[in-house]
N, C-alpha and C. Protein backbone atom coordinates (compact mmCIF):
# COMPACT_ATOMS: atom_id res chain seq x y z
N MET A 1 -24.75 43.46 21.21
CA MET A 1 -24.30 44.77 21.52
C MET A 1 -23.14 44.76 21.14
N PRO A 2 -22.61 45.91 20.62
CA PRO A 2 -21.65 46.73 20.28
C PRO A 2 -20.10 46.91 21.28
N GLU A 3 -19.14 46.52 21.38
CA GLU A 3 -18.02 47.02 22.33
C GLU A 3 -17.85 48.57 22.05
N PRO A 4 -17.99 48.99 23.35
CA PRO A 4 -17.31 50.57 23.50
C PRO A 4 -16.53 50.86 22.44
N VAL A 5 -16.18 52.17 22.01
CA VAL A 5 -15.31 52.28 21.01
C VAL A 5 -14.02 52.75 22.24
N THR A 6 -12.60 52.58 21.90
CA THR A 6 -11.42 52.97 22.81
C THR A 6 -10.66 53.90 22.13
N PRO A 7 -9.92 54.62 22.49
CA PRO A 7 -9.16 55.83 21.91
C PRO A 7 -7.74 54.77 21.02
N GLU A 8 -7.46 53.73 21.25
CA GLU A 8 -6.36 53.02 20.25
C GLU A 8 -7.52 52.68 19.10
N ALA A 9 -8.67 52.42 19.24
CA ALA A 9 -9.54 51.79 17.76
C ALA A 9 -9.99 53.07 17.32
N ILE A 10 -10.12 54.14 17.78
CA ILE A 10 -10.42 55.51 17.01
C ILE A 10 -9.00 55.43 16.38
N PHE A 11 -7.63 55.81 16.88
CA PHE A 11 -6.45 56.15 16.18
C PHE A 11 -6.05 54.77 15.16
N ASP A 12 -6.33 53.80 15.54
CA ASP A 12 -6.35 52.68 13.92
C ASP A 12 -7.10 52.73 13.02
N ALA A 13 -8.20 53.40 13.29
CA ALA A 13 -9.61 53.55 12.48
C ALA A 13 -9.23 54.65 11.29
N ALA A 14 -8.46 55.74 12.22
CA ALA A 14 -8.36 57.16 11.52
C ALA A 14 -6.92 56.88 10.43
N ALA A 15 -5.97 56.23 10.91
CA ALA A 15 -4.87 55.74 10.82
C ALA A 15 -5.03 55.19 9.16
N ALA A 16 -5.58 54.31 9.22
CA ALA A 16 -6.17 53.56 7.79
C ALA A 16 -6.95 54.04 7.24
N MET A 17 -8.10 54.82 7.16
CA MET A 17 -8.80 56.21 6.54
C MET A 17 -8.05 57.17 5.87
N ILE A 18 -6.76 57.61 6.85
CA ILE A 18 -5.64 58.69 6.03
C ILE A 18 -4.84 57.68 5.05
N GLU A 19 -4.17 56.50 5.35
CA GLU A 19 -3.47 56.23 4.60
C GLU A 19 -4.16 55.94 2.87
N LEU A 20 -5.73 55.01 3.27
CA LEU A 20 -6.43 54.90 1.99
C LEU A 20 -6.81 55.90 1.38
N ASP A 21 -7.39 57.34 2.13
CA ASP A 21 -7.95 58.33 0.92
C ASP A 21 -6.85 59.93 1.36
N GLY A 22 -5.91 59.40 1.65
CA GLY A 22 -5.74 60.97 2.00
C GLY A 22 -5.69 61.80 3.20
N VAL A 23 -5.02 62.63 3.52
CA VAL A 23 -5.45 63.78 4.71
C VAL A 23 -6.84 64.49 4.51
N GLU A 24 -6.73 65.22 2.71
CA GLU A 24 -7.61 65.77 2.80
C GLU A 24 -9.08 65.22 2.65
N ARG A 25 -9.36 63.96 2.32
CA ARG A 25 -10.49 63.46 2.48
C ARG A 25 -10.96 62.86 3.65
N PHE A 26 -10.09 62.89 4.79
CA PHE A 26 -10.60 62.53 5.68
C PHE A 26 -11.57 63.52 6.83
N THR A 27 -12.37 62.78 7.05
CA THR A 27 -13.50 64.15 8.24
C THR A 27 -13.88 63.07 9.64
N MET A 28 -14.05 63.91 10.53
CA MET A 28 -14.41 63.10 11.72
C MET A 28 -15.46 62.46 11.57
N ARG A 29 -16.97 63.15 10.77
CA ARG A 29 -17.81 62.38 10.62
C ARG A 29 -17.68 60.60 9.89
N GLY A 30 -16.84 60.74 8.98
CA GLY A 30 -16.32 59.58 8.17
C GLY A 30 -15.64 58.76 9.08
N LEU A 31 -15.15 59.06 9.96
CA LEU A 31 -14.24 58.37 11.27
C LEU A 31 -15.43 57.75 12.06
N ALA A 32 -16.39 58.48 12.09
CA ALA A 32 -17.40 58.41 13.13
C ALA A 32 -18.48 57.28 12.73
N GLU A 33 -18.47 56.97 11.13
CA GLU A 33 -19.18 56.36 10.16
C GLU A 33 -18.52 54.93 10.27
N ARG A 34 -17.23 54.78 10.34
CA ARG A 34 -16.98 53.75 9.94
C ARG A 34 -16.77 53.05 11.25
N LEU A 35 -16.88 53.56 12.48
CA LEU A 35 -16.61 53.01 14.19
C LEU A 35 -18.09 52.87 14.41
N GLY A 36 -19.11 53.31 13.65
CA GLY A 36 -20.73 53.00 14.21
C GLY A 36 -20.68 53.54 15.42
N VAL A 37 -20.25 54.90 15.74
CA VAL A 37 -20.67 55.62 16.95
C VAL A 37 -20.57 56.88 16.23
N ALA A 38 -21.23 57.94 17.46
CA ALA A 38 -21.41 59.36 17.14
C ALA A 38 -20.24 60.46 17.29
N VAL A 39 -19.99 61.20 16.61
CA VAL A 39 -19.00 62.18 16.38
C VAL A 39 -18.46 62.43 17.83
N THR A 40 -19.62 62.89 18.61
CA THR A 40 -19.46 63.38 19.84
C THR A 40 -18.45 62.11 20.61
N SER A 41 -18.87 60.71 20.69
CA SER A 41 -17.82 59.90 21.14
C SER A 41 -16.21 59.91 21.01
N ILE A 42 -16.12 60.32 19.63
CA ILE A 42 -14.75 60.35 19.50
C ILE A 42 -14.26 61.56 20.22
N TYR A 43 -14.74 62.62 20.09
CA TYR A 43 -14.33 63.87 20.80
C TYR A 43 -14.30 63.46 22.17
N TRP A 44 -15.17 62.43 22.94
CA TRP A 44 -15.10 62.34 24.22
C TRP A 44 -13.49 61.82 24.81
N HIS A 45 -13.13 60.73 23.68
CA HIS A 45 -12.26 59.82 24.00
C HIS A 45 -10.91 60.37 23.13
N VAL A 46 -10.79 60.91 22.37
CA VAL A 46 -9.29 61.86 21.46
C VAL A 46 -9.88 63.29 21.66
N GLY A 47 -10.29 63.81 21.75
CA GLY A 47 -10.78 65.35 21.14
C GLY A 47 -10.96 65.42 19.89
N GLY A 48 -10.65 66.85 19.59
CA GLY A 48 -11.07 66.90 18.02
C GLY A 48 -10.43 66.51 16.54
N ARG A 49 -10.19 67.20 15.74
CA ARG A 49 -9.25 66.65 14.42
C ARG A 49 -7.99 66.98 14.89
N ASP A 50 -7.53 67.97 15.68
CA ASP A 50 -6.20 68.53 16.10
C ASP A 50 -5.81 67.63 16.93
N LYS A 51 -6.68 67.29 18.16
CA LYS A 51 -5.98 66.41 18.91
C LYS A 51 -5.62 64.82 18.45
N LEU A 52 -7.02 64.44 17.49
CA LEU A 52 -6.50 63.24 16.87
C LEU A 52 -5.30 63.23 16.30
N PHE A 53 -4.78 64.25 15.33
CA PHE A 53 -3.68 64.04 14.63
C PHE A 53 -2.44 64.17 15.47
N ASP A 54 -2.38 65.18 16.47
CA ASP A 54 -1.15 65.01 17.24
C ASP A 54 -1.34 63.59 18.11
N GLY A 55 -2.70 63.02 18.38
CA GLY A 55 -2.14 61.34 18.91
C GLY A 55 -1.33 60.65 17.71
N LEU A 56 -2.37 61.08 16.50
CA LEU A 56 -1.08 60.08 15.37
C LEU A 56 -0.07 60.23 15.35
N VAL A 57 0.56 61.24 15.35
CA VAL A 57 1.54 61.43 15.05
C VAL A 57 2.37 61.26 16.37
N ALA A 58 2.26 61.43 17.45
CA ALA A 58 2.67 60.66 18.78
C ALA A 58 3.11 59.37 18.57
N ARG A 59 2.02 58.73 18.04
CA ARG A 59 2.16 57.23 17.83
C ARG A 59 3.17 56.74 16.54
N LEU A 60 3.32 57.43 15.87
CA LEU A 60 4.66 57.36 14.53
C LEU A 60 5.64 57.39 15.43
N VAL A 61 5.59 58.48 16.11
CA VAL A 61 7.01 59.08 16.58
C VAL A 61 7.25 57.94 17.33
N ASP A 62 6.33 57.09 18.32
CA ASP A 62 6.84 55.86 19.30
C ASP A 62 6.98 54.67 18.26
N GLU A 63 6.39 54.50 16.97
CA GLU A 63 6.79 53.59 16.04
C GLU A 63 8.09 53.75 15.75
N MET A 64 8.58 54.75 15.32
CA MET A 64 10.07 55.27 14.37
C MET A 64 11.02 54.81 15.58
N ALA A 65 10.38 55.32 16.68
CA ALA A 65 11.65 54.71 18.24
C ALA A 65 11.96 53.29 18.59
N ASN A 66 10.68 52.38 17.89
CA ASN A 66 11.10 50.88 18.59
C ASN A 66 11.13 50.39 17.37
N LEU A 67 11.48 50.48 16.17
CA LEU A 67 11.98 50.10 15.05
C LEU A 67 12.78 48.40 15.01
N PRO A 68 12.37 47.17 14.72
CA PRO A 68 13.45 46.42 15.05
C PRO A 68 14.72 46.55 14.39
N MET A 69 15.87 46.19 15.12
CA MET A 69 16.65 46.15 14.68
C MET A 69 17.89 44.80 15.12
N THR A 70 17.75 43.61 13.97
CA THR A 70 18.23 42.83 14.31
C THR A 70 19.47 42.42 13.61
N GLY A 71 20.54 41.17 14.05
CA GLY A 71 21.92 41.31 13.41
C GLY A 71 22.78 40.46 14.34
N ASP A 72 23.27 40.02 13.86
CA ASP A 72 24.93 39.53 14.49
C ASP A 72 25.95 40.61 14.81
N THR A 73 25.76 41.45 13.88
CA THR A 73 26.85 42.44 13.59
C THR A 73 26.29 43.80 13.35
N PRO A 74 26.80 44.92 14.09
CA PRO A 74 26.85 46.05 13.85
C PRO A 74 26.20 46.64 12.73
N VAL A 75 26.90 46.31 11.10
CA VAL A 75 26.33 46.56 9.81
C VAL A 75 24.85 45.62 9.63
N ASP A 76 24.94 44.39 9.90
CA ASP A 76 23.91 43.73 10.04
C ASP A 76 22.48 44.88 10.58
N ARG A 77 22.67 45.33 11.79
CA ARG A 77 21.67 45.87 11.94
C ARG A 77 21.15 47.29 11.73
N ILE A 78 22.28 47.73 11.29
CA ILE A 78 22.04 49.33 10.58
C ILE A 78 21.04 48.58 9.22
N ALA A 79 21.58 47.62 8.21
CA ALA A 79 20.46 47.29 7.48
C ALA A 79 19.10 46.75 7.77
N ALA A 80 19.07 46.36 9.24
CA ALA A 80 18.10 45.37 9.17
C ALA A 80 17.42 47.02 9.57
N LEU A 81 17.46 48.05 10.40
CA LEU A 81 16.94 49.22 10.61
C LEU A 81 16.45 49.69 9.50
N ALA A 82 17.41 50.05 8.60
CA ALA A 82 17.29 50.69 7.18
C ALA A 82 15.89 50.20 6.55
N ARG A 83 15.86 48.82 6.86
CA ARG A 83 14.76 48.36 5.99
C ARG A 83 13.49 48.42 6.97
N ALA A 84 13.15 48.28 8.05
CA ALA A 84 12.13 48.51 8.89
C ALA A 84 11.77 49.73 8.33
N GLN A 85 12.92 50.93 8.63
CA GLN A 85 12.59 52.23 8.06
C GLN A 85 11.84 52.79 7.49
N ARG A 86 12.25 51.95 6.33
CA ARG A 86 11.47 51.95 5.04
C ARG A 86 10.18 51.27 4.76
N ARG A 87 10.08 50.77 4.99
CA ARG A 87 8.94 49.98 5.19
C ARG A 87 7.30 50.53 5.68
N LEU A 88 7.83 51.24 6.89
CA LEU A 88 7.10 52.05 8.07
C LEU A 88 6.81 53.60 7.16
N LEU A 89 7.72 54.26 6.52
CA LEU A 89 7.63 55.01 5.94
C LEU A 89 6.46 54.81 4.50
N ILE A 90 6.49 53.62 3.84
CA ILE A 90 5.51 53.11 3.06
C ILE A 90 4.52 53.38 3.27
N GLU A 91 4.50 52.57 4.28
CA GLU A 91 2.85 52.30 5.00
C GLU A 91 2.21 53.67 5.61
N CYS A 92 3.15 54.42 6.13
CA CYS A 92 2.54 56.08 6.34
C CYS A 92 2.85 57.49 6.03
N GLN A 93 2.65 56.96 4.66
CA GLN A 93 3.26 58.37 3.89
C GLN A 93 2.26 59.57 4.55
N HIS A 94 1.04 59.36 4.53
CA HIS A 94 0.13 60.32 4.67
C HIS A 94 0.34 60.71 6.22
N LEU A 95 0.84 59.99 6.72
CA LEU A 95 0.62 60.36 8.49
C LEU A 95 2.15 61.22 8.57
N LEU A 96 3.05 60.51 7.75
CA LEU A 96 4.19 61.32 7.57
C LEU A 96 3.82 62.90 7.07
N ALA A 97 2.91 63.11 6.35
CA ALA A 97 2.95 64.48 5.62
C ALA A 97 1.94 65.25 7.18
N ILE A 98 1.64 64.73 8.00
CA ILE A 98 0.42 65.14 9.23
C ILE A 98 1.83 65.72 10.12
N ALA A 99 2.58 64.61 9.84
CA ALA A 99 3.85 65.00 11.12
C ALA A 99 4.76 66.33 10.58
N HIS A 100 5.44 66.31 9.02
CA HIS A 100 5.81 67.45 9.11
C HIS A 100 5.01 68.67 8.83
N SER A 101 3.61 68.53 8.79
CA SER A 101 3.05 69.60 9.00
C SER A 101 2.84 70.45 10.33
N ARG A 102 3.11 69.47 11.43
CA ARG A 102 3.24 70.18 12.60
C ARG A 102 4.86 70.03 13.18
N ASP A 103 6.00 70.33 12.22
CA ASP A 103 7.24 70.49 12.46
C ASP A 103 7.68 69.29 13.46
N ALA A 104 7.10 68.23 13.17
CA ALA A 104 7.48 66.73 13.78
C ALA A 104 8.62 66.15 13.11
N THR A 105 8.93 66.14 12.14
CA THR A 105 9.85 65.64 11.18
C THR A 105 11.37 65.14 11.93
N PRO A 106 11.72 66.14 12.67
CA PRO A 106 12.89 65.85 12.79
C PRO A 106 12.72 65.26 14.71
N ARG A 107 11.92 65.51 15.22
CA ARG A 107 11.67 64.69 16.49
C ARG A 107 11.32 63.13 15.75
N LEU A 108 10.50 62.78 14.44
CA LEU A 108 10.14 61.61 14.11
C LEU A 108 11.83 60.93 13.64
N PHE A 109 12.65 61.49 13.15
CA PHE A 109 13.91 60.46 12.72
C PHE A 109 15.21 60.63 13.80
N LEU A 110 15.00 61.08 14.82
CA LEU A 110 15.94 61.29 15.75
C LEU A 110 16.10 60.03 16.29
N PRO A 111 14.82 59.19 16.72
CA PRO A 111 15.77 57.76 17.46
C PRO A 111 16.31 56.88 16.56
N ALA A 112 15.77 56.61 15.41
CA ALA A 112 16.70 56.11 14.18
C ALA A 112 17.97 56.62 14.06
N GLN A 113 17.75 58.12 13.86
CA GLN A 113 19.44 58.23 13.61
C GLN A 113 20.38 58.12 14.78
N ARG A 114 19.87 58.03 15.99
CA ARG A 114 20.72 57.62 17.14
C ARG A 114 20.86 56.36 16.99
N ALA A 115 20.07 55.37 16.46
CA ALA A 115 20.24 54.24 16.68
C ALA A 115 21.44 54.00 15.69
N LEU A 116 21.54 54.73 14.43
CA LEU A 116 22.52 54.32 13.33
C LEU A 116 23.76 55.12 13.66
N ALA A 117 23.84 55.81 14.69
CA ALA A 117 25.01 56.48 14.97
C ALA A 117 25.45 55.64 16.06
N ALA A 118 24.97 54.99 16.81
CA ALA A 118 25.34 53.45 18.02
C ALA A 118 26.25 52.80 17.34
N GLN A 119 25.57 52.67 16.08
CA GLN A 119 25.70 51.37 15.17
C GLN A 119 27.00 51.48 14.86
N LEU A 120 27.02 52.64 13.81
CA LEU A 120 28.21 53.40 13.79
C LEU A 120 29.38 53.33 14.54
N ALA A 121 29.25 53.83 15.31
CA ALA A 121 30.52 54.04 16.74
C ALA A 121 30.84 52.38 16.87
N ASP A 122 30.28 51.55 16.83
CA ASP A 122 30.57 50.37 17.20
C ASP A 122 31.67 49.67 16.54
N VAL A 123 31.56 50.22 14.71
CA VAL A 123 32.45 49.78 13.87
C VAL A 123 33.54 51.11 13.95
N GLY A 124 33.77 51.92 14.56
CA GLY A 124 34.81 52.76 15.01
C GLY A 124 34.57 53.93 13.62
N VAL A 125 33.08 54.21 13.36
CA VAL A 125 33.19 55.58 12.47
C VAL A 125 32.25 56.31 13.47
N THR A 126 32.97 57.38 13.45
CA THR A 126 32.47 58.72 14.39
C THR A 126 32.80 60.11 13.74
N GLY A 127 31.78 61.36 14.71
CA GLY A 127 32.31 62.67 14.07
C GLY A 127 31.98 62.71 12.68
N ALA A 128 32.21 63.34 11.75
CA ALA A 128 32.02 64.29 10.38
C ALA A 128 32.10 62.74 9.65
N ASP A 129 32.93 61.66 9.88
CA ASP A 129 32.50 60.22 8.68
C ASP A 129 31.22 59.65 9.29
N ALA A 130 30.83 59.44 10.19
CA ALA A 130 29.36 58.82 11.19
C ALA A 130 28.70 59.73 10.24
N ALA A 131 28.61 60.97 10.36
CA ALA A 131 27.43 62.22 10.02
C ALA A 131 27.17 61.53 8.22
N LEU A 132 28.10 61.65 7.63
CA LEU A 132 28.15 61.38 6.16
C LEU A 132 27.19 60.01 5.64
N VAL A 133 28.06 58.89 6.67
CA VAL A 133 27.16 57.86 6.46
C VAL A 133 25.72 57.93 6.87
N LEU A 134 25.59 58.44 8.42
CA LEU A 134 24.41 58.14 8.57
C LEU A 134 23.02 58.93 7.44
N ARG A 135 23.64 60.09 7.00
CA ARG A 135 22.64 60.94 6.10
C ARG A 135 22.77 60.07 4.20
N ALA A 136 23.67 59.52 4.16
CA ALA A 136 23.61 58.53 3.18
C ALA A 136 22.52 57.66 3.48
N VAL A 137 22.29 56.90 4.30
CA VAL A 137 21.40 55.95 4.41
C VAL A 137 19.97 56.55 4.96
N GLU A 138 20.23 57.36 5.53
CA GLU A 138 18.68 58.18 5.47
C GLU A 138 18.38 58.69 3.76
N VAL A 139 18.94 58.95 3.22
CA VAL A 139 18.41 59.67 1.90
C VAL A 139 18.17 58.64 1.05
N HIS A 140 18.90 57.64 1.34
CA HIS A 140 18.63 56.10 0.43
C HIS A 140 17.30 55.62 1.03
N VAL A 141 17.12 55.68 2.01
CA VAL A 141 15.69 54.86 2.96
C VAL A 141 14.50 55.98 2.09
N ILE A 142 14.95 57.56 2.48
CA ILE A 142 13.75 58.09 2.55
C ILE A 142 13.00 58.48 0.95
N SER A 143 14.19 58.21 -0.08
CA SER A 143 14.26 58.56 -1.63
C SER A 143 13.44 57.19 -1.93
N SER A 144 13.64 56.21 -1.54
CA SER A 144 13.35 54.63 -1.96
C SER A 144 11.60 54.71 -1.71
N ALA A 145 11.51 55.12 -0.03
CA ALA A 145 10.42 54.93 0.13
C ALA A 145 9.12 55.72 -0.76
N VAL A 146 9.70 57.18 -0.83
CA VAL A 146 9.32 58.01 -2.10
C VAL A 146 8.87 57.58 -3.30
N MET A 147 9.72 56.81 -3.99
CA MET A 147 9.76 56.36 -5.28
C MET A 147 8.27 55.04 -5.38
N GLN A 148 8.85 54.53 -4.54
CA GLN A 148 7.91 53.02 -4.45
C GLN A 148 6.69 53.79 -3.90
N PHE A 149 6.48 54.73 -3.06
CA PHE A 149 5.02 55.03 -2.52
C PHE A 149 4.58 55.92 -4.20
N ALA A 150 4.94 56.46 -4.95
CA ALA A 150 4.90 57.17 -6.09
C ALA A 150 4.35 56.05 -6.94
N ALA A 151 5.27 55.22 -7.49
CA ALA A 151 4.80 53.96 -8.23
C ALA A 151 3.44 53.17 -7.86
N VAL A 152 3.39 52.93 -6.50
CA VAL A 152 2.11 52.26 -6.21
C VAL A 152 0.99 53.20 -6.15
N ARG A 153 0.91 54.19 -5.92
CA ARG A 153 -0.27 55.01 -5.51
C ARG A 153 -0.16 55.76 -6.47
N GLY A 154 0.55 56.40 -7.49
CA GLY A 154 0.59 57.57 -8.31
C GLY A 154 0.21 56.99 -9.76
N ASP A 155 -0.14 57.68 -10.85
CA ASP A 155 -1.13 57.47 -12.12
C ASP A 155 0.36 56.27 -12.97
N LYS A 156 -0.69 55.69 -13.67
CA LYS A 156 0.45 54.74 -14.22
C LYS A 156 0.67 55.16 -15.52
N HIS A 157 2.28 54.66 -15.62
CA HIS A 157 3.18 54.92 -16.58
C HIS A 157 4.37 54.56 -16.74
N ASP A 158 4.62 54.54 -18.14
CA ASP A 158 5.52 53.40 -18.24
C ASP A 158 7.07 53.84 -18.01
N GLU A 159 7.74 53.21 -16.94
CA GLU A 159 9.10 53.80 -16.57
C GLU A 159 10.27 54.19 -17.87
N GLU A 160 10.06 53.42 -18.56
CA GLU A 160 10.62 53.73 -20.05
C GLU A 160 10.02 53.71 -21.20
N ASP A 161 10.57 54.97 -21.57
CA ASP A 161 9.91 54.99 -23.36
C ASP A 161 10.44 53.86 -24.20
N PRO A 162 9.83 53.25 -24.95
CA PRO A 162 10.78 52.21 -25.81
C PRO A 162 11.20 52.87 -26.94
N THR A 163 10.85 53.69 -27.23
CA THR A 163 10.96 54.86 -28.53
C THR A 163 12.56 55.17 -28.22
N LEU A 164 12.75 55.44 -26.79
CA LEU A 164 14.22 56.05 -26.30
C LEU A 164 15.69 54.93 -26.59
N TRP A 165 14.96 53.86 -26.94
CA TRP A 165 15.90 52.73 -27.08
C TRP A 165 15.62 51.82 -28.43
N THR A 166 16.96 51.67 -29.06
CA THR A 166 16.84 51.24 -30.45
C THR A 166 17.21 49.88 -30.70
N ASP A 167 16.51 49.29 -31.52
CA ASP A 167 17.08 47.69 -32.01
C ASP A 167 18.21 47.47 -31.89
N ASP A 168 18.59 48.38 -32.62
CA ASP A 168 20.88 47.79 -32.43
C ASP A 168 21.34 48.36 -31.39
N TRP A 169 20.73 48.63 -30.21
CA TRP A 169 21.51 48.44 -29.11
C TRP A 169 21.95 47.45 -28.87
N PRO A 170 23.43 47.52 -28.22
CA PRO A 170 24.17 45.97 -28.12
C PRO A 170 23.35 45.08 -27.31
N ASP A 171 22.72 45.40 -25.78
CA ASP A 171 22.39 44.98 -24.80
C ASP A 171 20.87 44.98 -24.87
N GLN A 172 20.25 44.14 -25.65
CA GLN A 172 18.81 43.94 -25.50
C GLN A 172 18.37 43.55 -24.26
N GLY A 173 19.16 42.51 -23.52
CA GLY A 173 18.57 42.28 -22.67
C GLY A 173 18.43 43.33 -21.56
N LEU A 174 19.49 44.46 -21.28
CA LEU A 174 19.00 45.45 -20.90
C LEU A 174 18.17 46.17 -21.08
N VAL A 175 17.45 46.32 -22.42
CA VAL A 175 16.36 47.14 -22.61
C VAL A 175 15.45 46.43 -22.51
N ARG A 176 15.37 45.59 -22.34
CA ARG A 176 14.24 44.62 -21.63
C ARG A 176 13.62 44.95 -20.42
N ALA A 177 14.82 44.37 -19.55
CA ALA A 177 14.63 44.68 -18.12
C ALA A 177 14.48 45.93 -17.83
N LEU A 178 15.15 46.88 -18.50
CA LEU A 178 14.29 48.40 -17.96
C LEU A 178 13.33 49.10 -18.47
N GLN A 179 12.66 48.31 -19.43
CA GLN A 179 11.37 48.33 -19.49
C GLN A 179 9.70 47.37 -19.11
N SER A 180 10.61 46.72 -18.14
CA SER A 180 10.11 46.06 -17.13
C SER A 180 9.15 46.71 -15.81
N PRO A 181 8.22 46.24 -15.25
CA PRO A 181 8.20 46.88 -13.92
C PRO A 181 9.64 46.98 -13.07
N THR A 182 9.80 48.35 -12.37
CA THR A 182 10.73 48.04 -11.48
C THR A 182 10.58 47.45 -10.21
N ASP A 183 12.07 46.75 -9.45
CA ASP A 183 11.71 45.81 -8.31
C ASP A 183 12.08 46.65 -7.37
N TYR A 184 11.40 47.54 -6.66
CA TYR A 184 11.76 48.52 -5.87
C TYR A 184 13.04 47.99 -4.84
N ASP A 185 12.28 47.04 -3.98
CA ASP A 185 12.73 46.38 -2.92
C ASP A 185 14.09 45.53 -3.50
N ALA A 186 14.11 45.33 -4.68
CA ALA A 186 15.72 44.65 -5.20
C ALA A 186 16.69 46.37 -4.99
N VAL A 187 15.95 46.90 -6.07
CA VAL A 187 16.82 48.29 -6.22
C VAL A 187 17.37 48.59 -4.70
N PHE A 188 16.62 48.88 -4.02
CA PHE A 188 16.60 49.31 -2.06
C PHE A 188 17.87 48.46 -1.91
N ASP A 189 17.58 47.22 -1.80
CA ASP A 189 18.88 46.38 -1.36
C ASP A 189 20.34 46.62 -1.46
N TYR A 190 19.95 46.79 -3.47
CA TYR A 190 21.33 46.70 -3.89
C TYR A 190 22.06 47.78 -3.42
N GLY A 191 21.21 49.24 -3.33
CA GLY A 191 21.85 50.26 -2.84
C GLY A 191 22.45 50.33 -1.75
N LEU A 192 21.40 49.63 -0.47
CA LEU A 192 21.90 49.88 0.57
C LEU A 192 23.26 49.05 0.88
N GLU A 193 23.12 47.57 0.29
CA GLU A 193 24.47 46.72 0.69
C GLU A 193 25.75 47.67 -0.44
N ALA A 194 25.60 48.17 -1.12
CA ALA A 194 26.45 48.97 -1.58
C ALA A 194 27.30 50.15 -0.73
N LEU A 195 26.10 51.29 0.55
CA LEU A 195 26.18 51.97 0.84
C LEU A 195 27.56 51.19 2.07
N LEU A 196 26.72 49.87 2.75
CA LEU A 196 27.15 49.36 4.03
C LEU A 196 28.62 48.73 3.36
N ALA A 197 29.16 48.42 2.11
CA ALA A 197 29.98 47.63 1.78
C ALA A 197 31.33 47.74 2.48
N PRO A 198 31.56 49.03 2.22
CA PRO A 198 32.75 49.49 3.17
C PRO A 198 32.79 49.81 4.64
N LEU A 199 31.96 49.69 5.27
CA LEU A 199 31.66 49.38 6.83
C LEU A 199 31.84 47.90 6.89
N ARG A 200 31.47 46.83 5.94
CA ARG A 200 31.81 45.41 6.07
C ARG A 200 33.15 44.80 6.17
N ARG A 201 33.77 45.63 5.65
CA ARG A 201 35.39 45.43 5.07
C ARG A 201 36.10 46.13 6.61
N ARG A 202 35.44 46.79 7.38
CA ARG A 202 36.49 47.32 8.31
C ARG A 202 36.76 45.99 9.40
């Protein structure tokens, strides 16, 4: 006899379906089929589609508020938080779109921003300087996540057109590297460390 479905199992299944196929292809009937239950059972546990999406956004807000932030120094903790936030954004792109459609984006990012601000204060960066650093880190995190998401899930394409580089370019190692697939994790880490270098020197 199958175990009774739970709200947590419903949210888990819905999140997995949405991230795999997108919001547009998600249906309550498809969710019910995945779980092996009647649609009415889902309505009983979590409500209709809007209530389900509200619950998914609430879970995402909670995840963003509890990202790991490990490290021996404030700057190490900022780096850890930035990496954790980027991973979550990549994993939850479609759920982020749902949150944005419900005007929950500011609430979603506020916990990470407050955590970053607290760590910046610990190294003596406050006020307008702290706001600039905080925004620079957040822009780096979000833009990197968007680029990697597009590369992984978007249409395949050459990132560099070989015809734009001539055989007489003096640095052929550069040309070959630019024509190979981008290591987005390495690019993110390089940029993050460049952003944090002034803080490490304080």
